Amino acid sequence: MSLDQVIERIKTRVAAVDPNGPRKVLGVFQLDVKTGGAVEQWIVDLKQLKVEKGTASSPDVTVGLSVEDLIAISAKTVTIGDALKEGKITVTGDKELANKLADVI
C-alpha cells in the first residue's frame, strides 16, 4: 500500500460520514508524513468533512509519522498508542482525540 492509497482510503471514509448524523470524532488533524527526505502535509478535517494537502492553521492534533507507520496504523497492524510508546510517531495537541484518529484512517 502506498501513501496515495492510504489518503484515498481516508478520503473515502470521510466522504461517507453523514454531515447531519452523529459522529465519533470531531477535530482537525494535521498529518506530517515523512516520505524519504521530504514531509508531505495533509489536513484531515472531521469538522468540515474534508481531506486535503496542506497545513492546518490551528489543528487540534498534529501527528508526525513515516509513511510506513501511517500504512501500518491504517491497516490496523499497529495502534496509535503502541506507535507512540515505541517512539515511531509524535503527537502534539489533544492526545485523547489523537487515539480516535485510528477510527478514521
Protein backbone atom coordinates (compact mmCIF):
# COMPACT_ATOMS: atom_id res chain seq x y z
CA MET A 1 0.00 0.00 0.00
CA SER A 2 1.24 3.50 -0.82
CA LEU A 3 0.68 6.90 0.76
CA ASP A 4 -1.71 7.79 -2.08
CA GLN A 5 -3.77 4.67 -1.38
CA VAL A 6 -3.98 5.46 2.34
CA ILE A 7 -5.02 9.06 1.61
CA GLU A 8 -7.68 7.82 -0.82
CA ARG A 9 -8.97 5.43 1.86
CA ILE A 10 -9.15 8.30 4.35
CA LYS A 11 -10.96 10.49 1.80
CA THR A 12 -13.47 7.70 1.15
CA ARG A 13 -14.15 7.21 4.85
CA VAL A 14 -14.55 10.93 5.47
CA ALA A 15 -16.85 11.32 2.44
CA ALA A 16 -19.06 8.51 3.80
CA VAL A 17 -19.77 10.38 7.05
CA ASP A 18 -23.29 11.79 7.29
CA PRO A 19 -22.78 15.52 7.98
CA ASN A 20 -26.13 15.63 9.80
CA GLY A 21 -25.69 12.42 11.76
CA PRO A 22 -23.83 11.64 14.97
CA ARG A 23 -20.05 11.49 14.69
CA LYS A 24 -17.50 9.57 16.74
CA VAL A 25 -14.68 12.05 16.10
CA LEU A 26 -14.76 15.83 15.69
CA GLY A 27 -11.46 17.56 15.16
CA VAL A 28 -8.87 18.85 12.75
CA PHE A 29 -5.80 16.67 12.29
CA GLN A 30 -2.53 17.71 10.70
CA LEU A 31 -0.62 14.71 9.34
CA ASP A 32 3.08 15.36 8.72
CA VAL A 33 4.07 12.27 6.76
CA LYS A 34 7.77 11.62 6.18
CA THR A 35 8.38 10.21 2.72
CA GLY A 36 12.07 9.68 2.09
CA GLY A 37 13.77 13.00 2.78
CA ALA A 38 10.62 15.12 2.45
CA VAL A 39 7.49 15.69 4.52
CA GLU A 40 4.03 15.68 2.95
CA GLN A 41 1.42 17.54 4.96
CA TRP A 42 -2.24 16.54 4.95
CA ILE A 43 -5.23 18.04 6.73
CA VAL A 44 -7.95 15.66 7.88
CA ASP A 45 -10.77 17.99 8.90
CA LEU A 46 -13.53 16.00 10.58
CA LYS A 47 -15.48 19.15 11.40
CA GLN A 48 -15.84 20.23 7.75
CA LEU A 49 -15.51 16.63 6.43
CA LYS A 50 -12.65 17.22 4.04
CA VAL A 51 -9.18 15.86 3.42
CA GLU A 52 -6.65 17.99 1.58
CA LYS A 53 -2.96 18.50 1.12
CA GLY A 54 -1.62 21.44 3.08
CA THR A 55 -1.12 22.86 6.54
CA ALA A 56 -3.95 23.48 9.01
CA SER A 57 -3.91 26.91 10.63
CA SER A 58 -4.88 25.60 14.08
CA PRO A 59 -5.17 21.80 14.20
CA ASP A 60 -6.50 20.04 17.27
CA VAL A 61 -3.85 17.35 16.79
CA THR A 62 -0.62 17.22 14.80
CA VAL A 63 0.80 13.77 14.09
CA GLY A 64 4.31 13.27 12.73
CA LEU A 65 5.00 9.84 11.29
CA SER A 66 6.61 7.94 8.46
CA VAL A 67 4.61 6.70 5.51
CA GLU A 68 5.32 3.13 6.69
CA ASP A 69 3.82 3.84 10.11
CA LEU A 70 0.79 5.53 8.54
CA ILE A 71 0.24 2.43 6.42
CA ALA A 72 0.61 0.16 9.49
CA ILE A 73 -1.88 2.24 11.50
CA SER A 74 -4.27 2.30 8.55
CA ALA A 75 -4.01 -1.50 8.21
CA LYS A 76 -4.55 -1.77 11.99
CA THR A 77 -1.36 -3.81 12.41
CA VAL A 78 -0.21 -1.24 14.98
CA THR A 79 -2.19 1.12 17.22
CA ILE A 80 -1.50 4.80 17.63
CA GLY A 81 -0.81 4.13 21.33
CA ASP A 82 1.76 1.44 20.54
CA ALA A 83 3.42 3.61 17.89
CA LEU A 84 3.67 6.42 20.45
CA LYS A 85 5.19 4.14 23.09
CA GLU A 86 7.75 2.89 20.57
CA GLY A 87 8.67 6.44 19.56
CA LYS A 88 7.58 5.87 15.95
CA ILE A 89 5.19 8.82 15.88
CA THR A 90 4.93 12.20 17.55
CA VAL A 91 1.66 13.74 18.66
CA THR A 92 1.05 17.31 19.76
CA GLY A 93 -2.31 18.59 20.89
CA ASP A 94 -5.23 16.57 22.21
CA LYS A 95 -3.82 13.07 22.79
CA GLU A 96 -7.24 11.58 23.58
CA LEU A 97 -8.53 12.87 20.25
CA ALA A 98 -5.40 11.51 18.55
CA ASN A 99 -6.29 7.98 19.69
CA LYS A 100 -9.62 8.33 17.89
CA LEU A 101 -7.84 9.09 14.62
CA ALA A 102 -7.37 5.36 14.00
CA ASP A 103 -11.15 5.09 13.53
CA VAL A 104 -10.82 7.38 10.54
CA ILE A 105 -7.64 6.12 8.92
